[in-house]
Protein backbone atom coordinates (compact mmCIF):
# COMPACT_ATOMS: atom_id res chain seq x y z
CA MET A 1 20.45 -47.50 43.81
CA ALA A 2 17.02 -46.83 42.25
CA ILE A 3 16.56 -44.57 39.24
CA PRO A 4 14.10 -41.75 39.92
CA PRO A 5 11.12 -41.46 37.58
CA PRO A 6 11.46 -38.89 34.76
CA LEU A 7 10.24 -35.40 35.53
CA LYS A 8 7.02 -34.28 33.92
CA PRO A 9 7.11 -30.88 32.24
CA VAL A 10 5.31 -28.20 34.18
CA PRO A 11 2.99 -26.08 32.02
CA ALA A 12 3.84 -22.40 31.94
CA PRO A 13 1.39 -20.20 33.81
CA ALA A 14 -1.03 -18.26 31.65
CA THR A 15 -0.03 -14.63 31.33
CA PRO A 16 -2.50 -11.77 31.08
CA ALA A 17 -0.83 -10.67 27.83
CA ALA A 18 -1.50 -14.04 26.19
CA ALA A 19 -5.13 -13.95 27.29
CA SER A 20 -5.67 -10.47 25.82
CA LYS A 21 -4.51 -11.35 22.29
CA PRO A 22 -7.28 -11.42 19.70
CA PRO A 23 -8.18 -14.84 18.34
CA ARG A 24 -6.44 -15.79 15.11
CA ALA A 25 -8.17 -17.32 12.13
CA LYS A 26 -7.56 -21.00 11.58
CA SER A 27 -4.83 -21.70 9.09
CA THR A 28 -6.31 -22.49 5.69
CA GLY A 29 -2.99 -23.20 4.06
CA ILE A 30 -2.98 -19.85 2.27
CA ARG A 31 -0.08 -17.65 3.30
CA TRP A 32 -1.81 -14.29 3.35
CA HIS A 33 1.30 -12.55 4.68
CA ARG A 34 3.28 -13.64 1.63
CA ILE A 35 0.48 -12.68 -0.77
CA ASN A 36 0.18 -9.30 0.95
CA LEU A 37 3.96 -8.81 0.76
CA TRP A 38 4.03 -9.42 -2.99
CA PHE A 39 0.97 -7.25 -3.53
CA HIS A 40 2.74 -4.42 -1.67
CA ARG A 41 5.86 -4.91 -3.78
CA LEU A 42 3.97 -4.92 -7.11
CA LEU A 43 2.00 -1.88 -6.02
CA ALA A 44 5.28 -0.18 -5.07
CA LEU A 45 6.68 -0.80 -8.55
CA ALA A 46 3.53 0.58 -10.18
CA TRP A 47 3.58 3.70 -8.00
CA LEU A 48 7.31 4.15 -8.63
CA ALA A 49 6.59 4.20 -12.36
CA LYS A 50 3.68 6.58 -11.79
CA GLY A 51 5.88 8.96 -9.81
CA LEU A 52 8.65 8.83 -12.41
CA VAL A 53 6.16 9.65 -15.18
CA SER A 54 5.04 12.69 -13.18
CA TRP A 55 8.67 13.80 -12.92
CA ALA A 56 9.10 13.22 -16.66
CA VAL A 57 6.18 15.59 -17.28
CA ILE A 58 7.72 18.20 -14.97
CA LEU A 59 11.17 17.91 -16.57
CA GLY A 60 9.76 17.94 -20.12
CA VAL A 61 10.81 14.47 -21.26
CA GLU A 62 9.40 14.09 -24.78
CA PRO A 63 7.00 11.13 -24.81
CA PHE A 64 5.27 12.29 -21.62
CA ALA A 65 5.28 16.07 -21.96
CA THR A 66 3.03 17.25 -24.77
CA LEU A 67 3.28 20.91 -23.71
CA PRO A 68 5.93 22.74 -21.71
CA PHE A 69 5.24 22.34 -18.00
CA GLU A 70 5.50 26.09 -17.40
CA GLY A 71 2.77 26.74 -19.96
CA ARG A 72 0.23 24.45 -18.29
CA ALA A 73 -2.52 25.60 -15.92
CA PRO A 74 -1.45 26.23 -12.32
CA THR A 75 -3.86 23.56 -11.10
CA PHE A 76 -2.24 21.00 -13.38
CA GLN A 77 1.22 22.07 -12.21
CA ALA A 78 0.28 21.81 -8.54
CA LEU A 79 -1.34 18.39 -8.91
CA THR A 80 1.56 17.04 -10.97
CA ILE A 81 4.13 18.17 -8.39
CA TYR A 82 1.97 16.85 -5.54
CA PHE A 83 1.68 13.40 -7.10
CA ALA A 84 5.32 13.34 -8.26
CA VAL A 85 6.45 13.63 -4.64
CA LEU A 86 3.68 11.63 -2.96
CA ASP A 87 3.76 8.69 -5.40
CA LEU A 88 7.49 8.16 -4.97
CA LEU A 89 7.20 8.43 -1.19
CA ALA A 90 4.36 5.90 -1.20
CA ALA A 91 6.36 3.55 -3.45
CA VAL A 92 9.31 3.53 -1.05
CA GLY A 93 7.05 2.97 1.96
CA LEU A 94 5.19 0.13 0.26
CA TRP A 95 8.41 -1.55 -0.82
CA LEU A 96 9.78 -1.40 2.72
CA LEU A 97 6.46 -2.73 4.10
CA ALA A 98 6.45 0.19 6.51
CA PRO A 99 3.11 1.04 8.13
CA TRP A 100 3.50 4.65 7.05
CA GLY A 101 3.91 3.48 3.46
CA ALA A 102 0.40 2.05 3.42
CA VAL A 103 -0.97 5.27 4.88
CA VAL A 104 0.85 7.44 2.35
CA TRP A 105 -0.30 5.16 -0.47
CA LEU A 106 -3.92 5.35 0.68
CA ILE A 107 -3.65 9.14 0.85
CA ALA A 108 -2.17 9.20 -2.67
CA ALA A 109 -4.80 6.86 -4.11
CA VAL A 110 -7.77 8.57 -2.50
CA SER A 111 -6.47 12.04 -3.33
CA ARG A 112 -6.05 10.92 -6.96
CA LEU A 113 -9.68 9.83 -7.02
CA VAL A 114 -10.81 13.09 -5.42
CA ALA A 115 -8.64 15.20 -7.74
CA GLY A 116 -10.13 13.45 -10.76
CA PHE A 117 -13.62 14.49 -9.70
CA VAL A 118 -12.88 17.94 -8.24
CA PHE A 119 -10.47 19.11 -10.97
CA PRO A 120 -11.61 17.27 -14.12
CA ALA A 121 -9.82 19.70 -16.45
CA ALA A 122 -6.44 19.39 -14.72
CA ALA A 123 -6.56 15.78 -13.51
CA ALA A 124 -8.95 13.97 -15.81
CA LEU A 125 -9.69 10.46 -14.60
CA ALA A 126 -11.61 8.13 -16.90
CA PRO A 127 -14.43 6.15 -15.25
CA LEU A 128 -12.58 2.92 -16.00
CA ALA A 129 -9.40 4.26 -14.34
CA ALA A 130 -11.41 5.44 -11.32
CA GLY A 131 -13.01 2.00 -11.00
CA TRP A 132 -9.63 0.31 -11.37
CA LEU A 133 -8.07 2.51 -8.68
CA GLY A 134 -11.04 1.98 -6.38
CA GLY A 135 -10.76 -1.77 -6.90
CA ILE A 136 -7.05 -1.68 -6.01
CA VAL A 137 -7.87 0.20 -2.80
CA VAL A 138 -10.51 -2.40 -1.87
CA LEU A 139 -8.14 -5.27 -2.71
CA PHE A 140 -5.44 -3.61 -0.60
CA MET A 141 -7.80 -3.39 2.38
CA VAL A 142 -8.99 -7.00 2.01
CA LEU A 143 -5.48 -8.43 1.69
CA SER A 144 -4.25 -6.40 4.66
CA TRP A 145 -7.19 -7.64 6.74
CA LEU A 146 -6.61 -11.28 5.76
CA ALA A 147 -2.88 -11.00 6.46
CA GLY A 148 -3.62 -9.49 9.85
CA ARG A 149 -5.98 -12.33 10.77
CA SER A 150 -3.74 -15.16 9.62
CA GLU A 151 -1.05 -16.82 11.66
CA PRO A 152 2.10 -14.80 12.14
CA ARG A 153 5.06 -15.55 9.90
């Protein structure tokens, strides 16, 4: 009895979904997804601290509250409460790597920049701090773009 020749694998037919995927960048050896993940986590820790400091000001914790919160200007009170809530929400979203977390963080960062220029008496933002925050936003966008173009995990 003769042994039949081995079967050759049949290539899978091309699907329309596979053809419509955008081209991926060639792998350069840099794991942009991992770098982006750790950047999100470090940013989450920084924004968690920022939100907790805002709550310390509201609650009158000594090193952070120079004046009683009730005695401050209404604009200062509103901005402090706004950032106390938004910063903590952004920190949780960034830590979880949720898409909404990045959106909330961008809203928080851009609104902090805008508040520093629109309400300088209530939310003073030094030029160095504004440049630093703007640089973090740009770095966030670049890392997200590179992670999106790299090979999936």
